Amino acid sequence: MATVTLMWEARAAEGRGAELLEWARAQVLPGPAAPLRRETFRAPRDRVLVMTWWETAEGLGAELPELPDPDAGLITRPVHRWRFESVTCT
C-alpha cells in the first residue's frame, strides 16, 4: 500500500479570498471512501490550498476523488493540482 497526497491550489479573484476559502471547505469529495486526512490552508494573495491523503495499492496512478474547479469568476487562473507519494527515509 502507498500513501498518496493530492494537492489542490487556487487563487481567488480580487476581494473573494474568504469566499473561495469557504467554497473549498464546503466541498464534499465524491465516492464511497473518505481520505485518511484532509487539511485546508490559506496563503498570501488570497490563495487556498487543500491537501488530502489516501491509502491505495495503485500508487500515483490511482483513481482518487479530487476537488472540482470553482466557478471561473471566483478564481484568477486555472486550479493547480499535484500528486505526491510518500517515501521512506533511510
N, C-alpha and C. Protein backbone atom coordinates (compact mmCIF):
# COMPACT_ATOMS: atom_id res chain seq x y z
N MET A 1 0.84 -1.19 0.00
CA MET A 1 0.00 0.00 0.00
C MET A 1 0.88 1.24 0.00
N ALA A 2 0.37 2.29 -0.59
CA ALA A 2 1.08 3.56 -0.65
C ALA A 2 0.17 4.66 -0.14
N THR A 3 0.77 5.70 0.38
CA THR A 3 0.01 6.89 0.76
C THR A 3 0.24 7.94 -0.31
N VAL A 4 -0.83 8.36 -0.94
CA VAL A 4 -0.77 9.37 -1.99
C VAL A 4 -1.43 10.64 -1.46
N THR A 5 -0.77 11.76 -1.67
CA THR A 5 -1.30 13.06 -1.26
C THR A 5 -1.69 13.85 -2.50
N LEU A 6 -2.92 14.31 -2.52
CA LEU A 6 -3.40 15.17 -3.60
C LEU A 6 -3.37 16.61 -3.09
N MET A 7 -2.82 17.50 -3.89
CA MET A 7 -2.72 18.89 -3.53
C MET A 7 -3.49 19.71 -4.56
N TRP A 8 -4.38 20.56 -4.10
CA TRP A 8 -5.23 21.41 -4.92
C TRP A 8 -5.00 22.84 -4.48
N GLU A 9 -4.70 23.74 -5.43
CA GLU A 9 -4.42 25.13 -5.07
C GLU A 9 -5.06 26.08 -6.06
N ALA A 10 -5.70 27.12 -5.54
CA ALA A 10 -6.35 28.12 -6.39
C ALA A 10 -6.11 29.51 -5.80
N ARG A 11 -6.15 30.50 -6.68
CA ARG A 11 -6.02 31.90 -6.25
C ARG A 11 -7.34 32.60 -6.54
N ALA A 12 -7.87 33.24 -5.52
CA ALA A 12 -9.18 33.89 -5.63
C ALA A 12 -9.12 35.15 -6.47
N ALA A 13 -10.23 35.46 -7.08
CA ALA A 13 -10.39 36.75 -7.76
C ALA A 13 -10.31 37.85 -6.70
N GLU A 14 -9.98 39.05 -7.14
CA GLU A 14 -9.81 40.20 -6.25
C GLU A 14 -10.98 40.33 -5.26
N GLY A 15 -10.65 40.35 -3.98
CA GLY A 15 -11.65 40.55 -2.94
C GLY A 15 -12.51 39.34 -2.62
N ARG A 16 -12.19 38.17 -3.19
CA ARG A 16 -13.04 36.99 -2.99
C ARG A 16 -12.33 35.86 -2.26
N GLY A 17 -11.24 36.18 -1.55
CA GLY A 17 -10.47 35.16 -0.83
C GLY A 17 -11.27 34.41 0.20
N ALA A 18 -12.04 35.11 1.02
CA ALA A 18 -12.85 34.45 2.05
C ALA A 18 -13.90 33.54 1.41
N GLU A 19 -14.47 33.99 0.30
CA GLU A 19 -15.48 33.20 -0.40
C GLU A 19 -14.87 31.91 -0.97
N LEU A 20 -13.67 32.02 -1.56
CA LEU A 20 -13.01 30.82 -2.09
C LEU A 20 -12.67 29.85 -0.97
N LEU A 21 -12.20 30.37 0.15
CA LEU A 21 -11.88 29.51 1.29
C LEU A 21 -13.13 28.76 1.75
N GLU A 22 -14.22 29.45 1.91
CA GLU A 22 -15.46 28.79 2.34
C GLU A 22 -15.96 27.80 1.30
N TRP A 23 -15.81 28.13 0.01
CA TRP A 23 -16.21 27.21 -1.05
C TRP A 23 -15.41 25.91 -0.94
N ALA A 24 -14.08 26.04 -0.79
CA ALA A 24 -13.22 24.86 -0.70
C ALA A 24 -13.56 24.01 0.53
N ARG A 25 -13.81 24.66 1.64
CA ARG A 25 -14.14 23.93 2.87
C ARG A 25 -15.46 23.17 2.75
N ALA A 26 -16.38 23.68 1.97
CA ALA A 26 -17.70 23.07 1.84
C ALA A 26 -17.74 21.91 0.85
N GLN A 27 -16.69 21.73 0.05
CA GLN A 27 -16.71 20.69 -0.97
C GLN A 27 -16.64 19.29 -0.34
N VAL A 28 -17.53 18.43 -0.80
CA VAL A 28 -17.55 17.03 -0.38
C VAL A 28 -16.96 16.22 -1.52
N LEU A 29 -15.95 15.43 -1.23
CA LEU A 29 -15.32 14.61 -2.27
C LEU A 29 -16.26 13.48 -2.67
N PRO A 30 -16.40 13.24 -3.98
CA PRO A 30 -17.29 12.18 -4.44
C PRO A 30 -16.72 10.80 -4.13
N GLY A 31 -17.60 9.83 -4.01
CA GLY A 31 -17.15 8.45 -3.82
C GLY A 31 -17.47 7.94 -2.43
N PRO A 32 -17.32 6.62 -2.28
CA PRO A 32 -17.71 5.99 -1.01
C PRO A 32 -16.68 6.16 0.12
N ALA A 33 -15.43 6.40 -0.23
CA ALA A 33 -14.38 6.46 0.79
C ALA A 33 -13.98 7.89 1.09
N ALA A 34 -13.63 8.13 2.33
CA ALA A 34 -13.11 9.43 2.74
C ALA A 34 -11.59 9.35 2.78
N PRO A 35 -10.91 10.48 2.62
CA PRO A 35 -9.44 10.45 2.72
C PRO A 35 -9.01 10.13 4.15
N LEU A 36 -7.78 9.66 4.29
CA LEU A 36 -7.22 9.44 5.62
C LEU A 36 -7.17 10.75 6.40
N ARG A 37 -6.92 11.82 5.67
CA ARG A 37 -6.74 13.13 6.28
C ARG A 37 -7.03 14.19 5.22
N ARG A 38 -7.53 15.35 5.67
CA ARG A 38 -7.77 16.47 4.77
C ARG A 38 -7.45 17.75 5.53
N GLU A 39 -6.68 18.62 4.90
CA GLU A 39 -6.34 19.91 5.51
C GLU A 39 -6.55 21.02 4.49
N THR A 40 -7.00 22.16 4.99
CA THR A 40 -7.23 23.33 4.14
C THR A 40 -6.38 24.46 4.69
N PHE A 41 -5.70 25.17 3.79
CA PHE A 41 -4.79 26.26 4.17
C PHE A 41 -5.14 27.51 3.37
N ARG A 42 -4.77 28.66 3.91
CA ARG A 42 -4.84 29.90 3.15
C ARG A 42 -3.45 30.51 3.13
N ALA A 43 -3.18 31.29 2.10
CA ALA A 43 -1.86 31.87 1.91
C ALA A 43 -2.02 33.31 1.40
N PRO A 44 -0.92 34.07 1.41
CA PRO A 44 -0.99 35.44 0.89
C PRO A 44 -1.55 35.46 -0.54
N ARG A 45 -2.06 36.62 -0.90
CA ARG A 45 -2.62 36.87 -2.23
C ARG A 45 -3.87 36.02 -2.48
N ASP A 46 -4.62 35.76 -1.40
CA ASP A 46 -5.91 35.05 -1.49
C ASP A 46 -5.81 33.68 -2.15
N ARG A 47 -4.74 32.94 -1.81
CA ARG A 47 -4.62 31.58 -2.31
C ARG A 47 -5.17 30.60 -1.28
N VAL A 48 -5.77 29.52 -1.78
CA VAL A 48 -6.33 28.46 -0.94
C VAL A 48 -5.71 27.14 -1.39
N LEU A 49 -5.31 26.34 -0.41
CA LEU A 49 -4.66 25.05 -0.67
C LEU A 49 -5.42 23.97 0.10
N VAL A 50 -5.74 22.88 -0.58
CA VAL A 50 -6.38 21.73 0.07
C VAL A 50 -5.52 20.51 -0.22
N MET A 51 -5.18 19.79 0.84
CA MET A 51 -4.41 18.56 0.70
C MET A 51 -5.21 17.41 1.29
N THR A 52 -5.25 16.30 0.55
CA THR A 52 -5.90 15.08 1.03
C THR A 52 -4.92 13.92 0.94
N TRP A 53 -4.99 13.03 1.91
CA TRP A 53 -4.11 11.86 1.97
C TRP A 53 -4.96 10.61 1.80
N TRP A 54 -4.48 9.70 0.93
CA TRP A 54 -5.23 8.48 0.59
C TRP A 54 -4.31 7.26 0.70
N GLU A 55 -4.84 6.17 1.18
CA GLU A 55 -4.14 4.89 1.20
C GLU A 55 -4.62 4.11 -0.02
N THR A 56 -3.67 3.67 -0.88
CA THR A 56 -4.06 2.99 -2.11
C THR A 56 -2.99 2.00 -2.54
N ALA A 57 -3.41 0.93 -3.17
CA ALA A 57 -2.47 -0.06 -3.69
C ALA A 57 -1.92 0.35 -5.06
N GLU A 58 -2.57 1.29 -5.73
CA GLU A 58 -2.18 1.68 -7.08
C GLU A 58 -1.14 2.79 -7.13
N GLY A 59 -0.79 3.40 -6.02
CA GLY A 59 0.20 4.47 -6.01
C GLY A 59 -0.29 5.71 -6.74
N LEU A 60 0.64 6.42 -7.39
CA LEU A 60 0.32 7.70 -8.02
C LEU A 60 -0.72 7.59 -9.13
N GLY A 61 -0.85 6.43 -9.72
CA GLY A 61 -1.81 6.25 -10.81
C GLY A 61 -3.22 5.93 -10.35
N ALA A 62 -3.46 5.89 -9.06
CA ALA A 62 -4.77 5.53 -8.53
C ALA A 62 -5.83 6.55 -8.92
N GLU A 63 -7.03 6.06 -9.17
CA GLU A 63 -8.16 6.95 -9.41
C GLU A 63 -8.69 7.38 -8.05
N LEU A 64 -8.53 8.66 -7.75
CA LEU A 64 -8.94 9.20 -6.45
C LEU A 64 -9.81 10.42 -6.67
N PRO A 65 -10.78 10.65 -5.79
CA PRO A 65 -11.64 11.83 -5.95
C PRO A 65 -10.87 13.12 -5.69
N GLU A 66 -11.10 14.10 -6.53
CA GLU A 66 -10.42 15.39 -6.39
C GLU A 66 -11.45 16.50 -6.31
N LEU A 67 -11.04 17.61 -5.71
CA LEU A 67 -11.90 18.77 -5.66
C LEU A 67 -12.13 19.28 -7.08
N PRO A 68 -13.33 19.75 -7.36
CA PRO A 68 -13.61 20.30 -8.69
C PRO A 68 -13.03 21.70 -8.83
N ASP A 69 -13.15 22.25 -10.00
CA ASP A 69 -12.81 23.65 -10.22
C ASP A 69 -13.98 24.51 -9.73
N PRO A 70 -13.68 25.61 -9.05
CA PRO A 70 -14.77 26.54 -8.70
C PRO A 70 -15.23 27.30 -9.93
N ASP A 71 -16.32 28.03 -9.80
CA ASP A 71 -16.78 28.88 -10.90
C ASP A 71 -15.66 29.80 -11.34
N ALA A 72 -15.55 30.03 -12.62
CA ALA A 72 -14.45 30.84 -13.18
C ALA A 72 -14.38 32.23 -12.56
N GLY A 73 -15.49 32.81 -12.18
CA GLY A 73 -15.48 34.15 -11.61
C GLY A 73 -14.91 34.22 -10.21
N LEU A 74 -14.73 33.08 -9.57
CA LEU A 74 -14.21 33.03 -8.20
C LEU A 74 -12.68 32.97 -8.17
N ILE A 75 -12.05 32.63 -9.30
CA ILE A 75 -10.60 32.45 -9.34
C ILE A 75 -9.95 33.33 -10.41
N THR A 76 -8.64 33.55 -10.27
CA THR A 76 -7.92 34.39 -11.23
C THR A 76 -7.18 33.60 -12.30
N ARG A 77 -7.02 32.30 -12.08
CA ARG A 77 -6.29 31.45 -13.01
C ARG A 77 -6.76 30.02 -12.82
N PRO A 78 -6.39 29.11 -13.71
CA PRO A 78 -6.80 27.71 -13.52
C PRO A 78 -6.25 27.14 -12.22
N VAL A 79 -6.99 26.20 -11.66
CA VAL A 79 -6.58 25.49 -10.45
C VAL A 79 -5.32 24.69 -10.74
N HIS A 80 -4.42 24.64 -9.77
CA HIS A 80 -3.22 23.80 -9.88
C HIS A 80 -3.44 22.54 -9.06
N ARG A 81 -3.01 21.41 -9.61
CA ARG A 81 -3.14 20.11 -8.92
C ARG A 81 -1.82 19.36 -9.03
N TRP A 82 -1.44 18.73 -7.92
CA TRP A 82 -0.25 17.88 -7.92
C TRP A 82 -0.55 16.62 -7.13
N ARG A 83 0.20 15.55 -7.44
CA ARG A 83 0.11 14.29 -6.70
C ARG A 83 1.50 13.96 -6.16
N PHE A 84 1.51 13.48 -4.93
CA PHE A 84 2.76 13.07 -4.29
C PHE A 84 2.57 11.71 -3.66
N GLU A 85 3.63 10.93 -3.63
CA GLU A 85 3.60 9.63 -2.97
C GLU A 85 4.62 9.66 -1.84
N SER A 86 4.21 9.22 -0.65
CA SER A 86 5.13 9.18 0.49
C SER A 86 6.25 8.19 0.23
N VAL A 87 7.45 8.55 0.65
CA VAL A 87 8.60 7.66 0.55
C VAL A 87 9.24 7.53 1.92
N THR A 88 9.87 6.39 2.15
CA THR A 88 10.52 6.13 3.42
C THR A 88 11.94 6.68 3.39
N CYS A 89 12.31 7.43 4.41
CA CYS A 89 13.68 7.92 4.52
C CYS A 89 14.54 6.88 5.20
N THR A 90 15.75 6.73 4.72
CA THR A 90 16.65 5.74 5.32
C THR A 90 17.86 6.40 5.91
